Amino acid sequence: MAVFQGSLGYTKGINMNTDAVILAGGYSSRANAFKMELSLEGKPILQHVIDAFFPVCNRIIVVGGYQVERLYPLVESYKDKVLVVTNKEFEKGMFTSVKRGITEVTASRFFLTPGDYPLITTDILRKLLENEGEIVKPVYQGRGGHPILLPFSCIKEILAEPEDSNLKLYLNKKQITQIETEDESILLDVDTQLDYEKVIRFKSVKSNGNEK
């Protein structure tokens, strides 16, 4: 994997022809709850993720699998801009949801993220969009986070990956532009109840305008 370093400086002429794919098809077994419904400051986690993408994306594709029907009430207020699709092979792993979601992409670029990163911000998304690298991802203190920004041209390649592959193996073959950020939220997902509690604390601190 070739890595290129980027900066967070703003530029003019951001390409806003962008979709987003949110992966929400897993069992949530480690969280002991249906993660997309978990409340964060009175709003489901999935809605926090959608709200971050909403200002900068043409369409937002939510990929469900396990208990997909529980996703529909969470997105109904977003009307036609958010589409829920079903991955019937979700039991085979997240990469099947990646493949299902990207088949719906029509924009020239698309964001890709698991749905359990509720602290992603629109500001981070705009900074990624400023960069013209083929594949762009945010990095905090040397650790890569979400979302990842990819070009439409990657879709055919990803769909051609073998069944035993995954997104990491695919990305290892590509040139990645890393955008350094001071925002730890790109790393904070909700895999477990402890993760959920950490996200709640982190969000509360940010909302109160205090330093972490």
Protein backbone atom coordinates (compact mmCIF):
# COMPACT_ATOMS: atom_id res chain seq x y z
CA MET A 1 0.00 0.00 0.00
CA ALA A 2 1.44 3.36 -1.03
CA VAL A 3 0.67 6.16 1.40
CA PHE A 4 0.60 9.87 0.71
CA GLN A 5 0.35 12.49 3.43
CA GLY A 6 -2.18 15.29 3.12
CA SER A 7 -3.10 18.41 5.02
CA LEU A 8 -6.37 19.79 6.34
CA GLY A 9 -6.20 23.15 4.61
CA TYR A 10 -9.35 24.22 2.78
CA THR A 11 -9.40 24.68 -0.98
CA LYS A 12 -11.96 25.91 -3.45
CA GLY A 13 -13.85 23.79 -5.92
CA ILE A 14 -14.68 20.75 -3.78
CA ASN A 15 -16.35 18.04 -5.87
CA MET A 16 -19.68 17.45 -4.19
CA ASN A 17 -20.81 14.71 -6.59
CA THR A 18 -20.59 12.21 -3.77
CA ASP A 19 -22.58 9.32 -2.29
CA ALA A 20 -22.15 7.58 1.05
CA VAL A 21 -22.40 3.89 1.91
CA ILE A 22 -23.14 3.10 5.56
CA LEU A 23 -22.74 -0.52 6.65
CA ALA A 24 -25.42 -1.58 9.13
CA GLY A 25 -25.94 -5.26 8.46
CA GLY A 26 -24.17 -7.02 11.34
CA TYR A 27 -25.52 -8.89 14.35
CA SER A 28 -24.31 -6.30 16.93
CA SER A 29 -23.64 -9.31 19.16
CA ARG A 30 -20.74 -7.77 21.09
CA ALA A 31 -22.84 -4.71 21.95
CA ASN A 32 -25.75 -6.78 23.34
CA ALA A 33 -28.09 -4.44 21.49
CA PHE A 34 -29.10 -3.43 17.97
CA LYS A 35 -26.38 -0.81 17.63
CA MET A 36 -28.08 1.41 15.07
CA GLU A 37 -30.90 2.06 17.56
CA LEU A 38 -28.68 2.93 20.52
CA SER A 39 -29.36 6.45 21.73
CA LEU A 40 -26.72 9.17 21.79
CA GLU A 41 -27.96 12.47 23.20
CA GLY A 42 -31.53 11.44 22.42
CA LYS A 43 -30.93 10.34 18.83
CA PRO A 44 -30.15 6.89 17.38
CA ILE A 45 -26.54 6.26 16.43
CA LEU A 46 -27.44 5.70 12.79
CA GLN A 47 -29.04 9.13 12.55
CA HIS A 48 -25.88 10.78 13.87
CA VAL A 49 -23.94 9.13 11.04
CA ILE A 50 -26.53 10.09 8.42
CA ASP A 51 -26.64 13.68 9.67
CA ALA A 52 -22.88 14.02 9.16
CA PHE A 53 -23.11 12.88 5.54
CA PHE A 54 -26.36 14.63 4.65
CA PRO A 55 -24.94 18.10 3.75
CA VAL A 56 -22.20 16.78 1.45
CA CYS A 57 -23.74 13.74 -0.26
CA ASN A 58 -26.23 13.30 -3.06
CA ARG A 59 -27.44 9.95 -1.76
CA ILE A 60 -26.84 7.93 1.39
CA ILE A 61 -27.06 4.16 1.06
CA VAL A 62 -27.62 2.21 4.28
CA VAL A 63 -26.85 -1.49 3.93
CA GLY A 64 -28.86 -3.70 6.26
CA GLY A 65 -28.83 -7.42 6.86
CA TYR A 66 -29.68 -8.76 10.29
CA GLN A 67 -33.12 -7.41 11.30
CA VAL A 68 -33.01 -4.95 8.42
CA GLU A 69 -36.61 -3.99 9.08
CA ARG A 70 -35.48 -2.11 12.18
CA LEU A 71 -33.57 0.35 10.00
CA TYR A 72 -36.58 1.72 8.12
CA PRO A 73 -38.07 3.74 11.02
CA LEU A 74 -34.64 5.24 11.64
CA VAL A 75 -34.37 6.71 8.14
CA GLU A 76 -37.96 7.61 7.28
CA SER A 77 -37.52 11.28 8.19
CA TYR A 78 -34.78 11.68 5.56
CA LYS A 79 -37.16 10.91 2.68
CA ASP A 80 -35.69 10.18 -0.73
CA LYS A 81 -32.06 11.03 0.03
CA VAL A 82 -31.48 7.91 2.17
CA LEU A 83 -31.90 4.43 0.71
CA VAL A 84 -31.96 1.21 2.73
CA VAL A 85 -30.85 -1.89 0.84
CA THR A 86 -30.63 -5.47 2.05
CA ASN A 87 -27.55 -7.65 1.97
CA LYS A 88 -28.92 -11.18 1.91
CA GLU A 89 -25.43 -12.57 2.46
CA PHE A 90 -24.61 -10.55 5.58
CA GLU A 91 -23.80 -13.76 7.49
CA LYS A 92 -20.67 -14.10 5.32
CA GLY A 93 -19.17 -10.91 6.74
CA MET A 94 -18.92 -7.15 6.29
CA PHE A 95 -17.27 -7.32 2.88
CA THR A 96 -20.50 -8.68 1.42
CA SER A 97 -22.25 -5.55 2.70
CA VAL A 98 -19.54 -3.41 1.12
CA LYS A 99 -20.15 -5.09 -2.21
CA ARG A 100 -23.93 -4.78 -1.88
CA GLY A 101 -23.80 -1.11 -0.98
CA ILE A 102 -21.43 0.03 -3.70
CA THR A 103 -23.65 -1.45 -6.42
CA GLU A 104 -26.05 1.43 -5.63
CA VAL A 105 -23.44 4.19 -5.97
CA THR A 106 -23.90 6.56 -8.93
CA ALA A 107 -21.71 9.51 -7.91
CA SER A 108 -18.11 10.03 -9.00
CA ARG A 109 -16.85 9.47 -5.44
CA PHE A 110 -18.30 7.77 -2.40
CA PHE A 111 -17.70 7.56 1.33
CA LEU A 112 -17.64 4.16 2.99
CA THR A 113 -18.04 3.60 6.73
CA PRO A 114 -19.47 1.18 9.25
CA GLY A 115 -22.63 2.58 10.79
CA ASP A 116 -21.29 2.50 14.34
CA TYR A 117 -19.07 5.60 14.06
CA PRO A 118 -21.56 8.17 15.39
CA LEU A 119 -19.01 10.91 16.05
CA ILE A 120 -17.95 11.42 12.42
CA THR A 121 -18.39 15.10 11.57
CA THR A 122 -19.33 16.92 8.38
CA ASP A 123 -16.18 18.99 8.84
CA ILE A 124 -14.01 15.88 8.51
CA LEU A 125 -15.94 14.84 5.39
CA ARG A 126 -15.38 18.20 3.74
CA LYS A 127 -11.66 17.98 4.46
CA LEU A 128 -11.47 14.57 2.81
CA LEU A 129 -13.36 15.89 -0.21
CA GLU A 130 -10.79 18.64 -0.68
CA ASN A 131 -8.16 16.08 -1.57
CA GLU A 132 -7.82 14.71 -5.09
CA GLY A 133 -6.11 11.46 -4.10
CA GLU A 134 -7.56 8.28 -5.53
CA ILE A 135 -8.47 6.88 -2.11
CA VAL A 136 -8.46 9.16 0.94
CA LYS A 137 -8.78 8.33 4.61
CA PRO A 138 -8.40 10.29 7.85
CA VAL A 139 -5.63 9.48 10.34
CA TYR A 140 -5.39 10.37 14.03
CA GLN A 141 -1.99 9.99 15.69
CA GLY A 142 -0.91 7.43 13.12
CA ARG A 143 -4.11 5.37 13.27
CA GLY A 144 -6.42 5.20 10.29
CA GLY A 145 -10.10 5.80 10.86
CA HIS A 146 -13.41 6.25 9.06
CA PRO A 147 -14.87 7.16 6.69
CA ILE A 148 -12.84 6.25 3.62
CA LEU A 149 -13.38 8.20 0.40
CA LEU A 150 -13.12 6.23 -2.84
CA PRO A 151 -13.64 6.92 -6.55
CA PHE A 152 -16.38 5.29 -8.61
CA SER A 153 -13.64 3.47 -10.56
CA CYS A 154 -12.92 1.29 -7.52
CA ILE A 155 -16.35 -0.32 -7.59
CA LYS A 156 -15.64 -2.77 -10.39
CA GLU A 157 -12.38 -3.79 -8.72
CA ILE A 158 -14.00 -4.36 -5.33
CA LEU A 159 -16.81 -6.42 -6.84
CA ALA A 160 -14.19 -8.59 -8.56
CA GLU A 161 -12.42 -9.39 -5.28
CA PRO A 162 -12.73 -13.07 -4.24
CA GLU A 163 -15.15 -14.17 -1.55
CA ASP A 164 -12.37 -14.70 1.00
CA SER A 165 -11.05 -11.16 0.56
CA ASN A 166 -11.97 -8.10 2.59
CA LEU A 167 -11.73 -4.32 2.35
CA LYS A 168 -8.35 -4.17 4.10
CA LEU A 169 -6.79 -6.62 1.64
CA TYR A 170 -8.17 -4.61 -1.26
CA LEU A 171 -6.89 -1.31 0.12
CA ASN A 172 -3.44 -2.80 0.72
CA LYS A 173 -3.07 -2.99 -3.05
CA LYS A 174 -3.99 0.65 -3.61
CA GLN A 175 -2.44 4.09 -3.17
CA ILE A 176 -3.90 5.71 -0.06
CA THR A 177 -3.75 9.40 0.77
CA GLN A 178 -3.77 9.88 4.53
CA ILE A 179 -5.23 13.10 5.89
CA GLU A 180 -3.93 13.94 9.35
CA THR A 181 -6.56 15.18 11.77
CA GLU A 182 -6.70 16.13 15.42
CA ASP A 183 -10.22 14.71 15.72
CA GLU A 184 -10.20 11.38 17.57
CA SER A 185 -13.84 10.78 16.59
CA ILE A 186 -12.70 9.04 13.39
CA LEU A 187 -11.52 6.12 15.58
CA LEU A 188 -14.48 5.78 17.94
CA ASP A 189 -16.88 3.01 17.01
CA VAL A 190 -19.41 1.12 19.10
CA ASP A 191 -18.46 -2.54 19.14
CA THR A 192 -19.18 -3.17 22.82
CA GLN A 193 -21.05 -1.63 25.72
CA LEU A 194 -17.76 -0.18 26.97
CA ASP A 195 -17.25 1.46 23.57
CA TYR A 196 -20.78 2.86 23.77
CA GLU A 197 -20.10 4.36 27.19
CA LYS A 198 -16.86 5.91 25.92
CA VAL A 199 -18.66 7.46 22.95
CA ILE A 200 -21.31 8.91 25.26
CA ARG A 201 -18.63 10.52 27.43
CA PHE A 202 -16.69 11.80 24.43
CA LYS A 203 -19.81 13.30 22.86
CA SER A 204 -20.81 14.94 26.11
CA VAL A 205 -17.42 16.60 26.48
CA LYS A 206 -17.47 17.88 22.90
CA SER A 207 -21.03 19.14 23.23
CA ASN A 208 -20.09 21.09 26.35
CA GLY A 209 -17.18 22.67 24.54
CA ASN A 210 -14.56 21.29 26.93
CA GLU A 211 -11.18 19.86 26.16
CA LYS A 212 -10.95 16.08 26.24
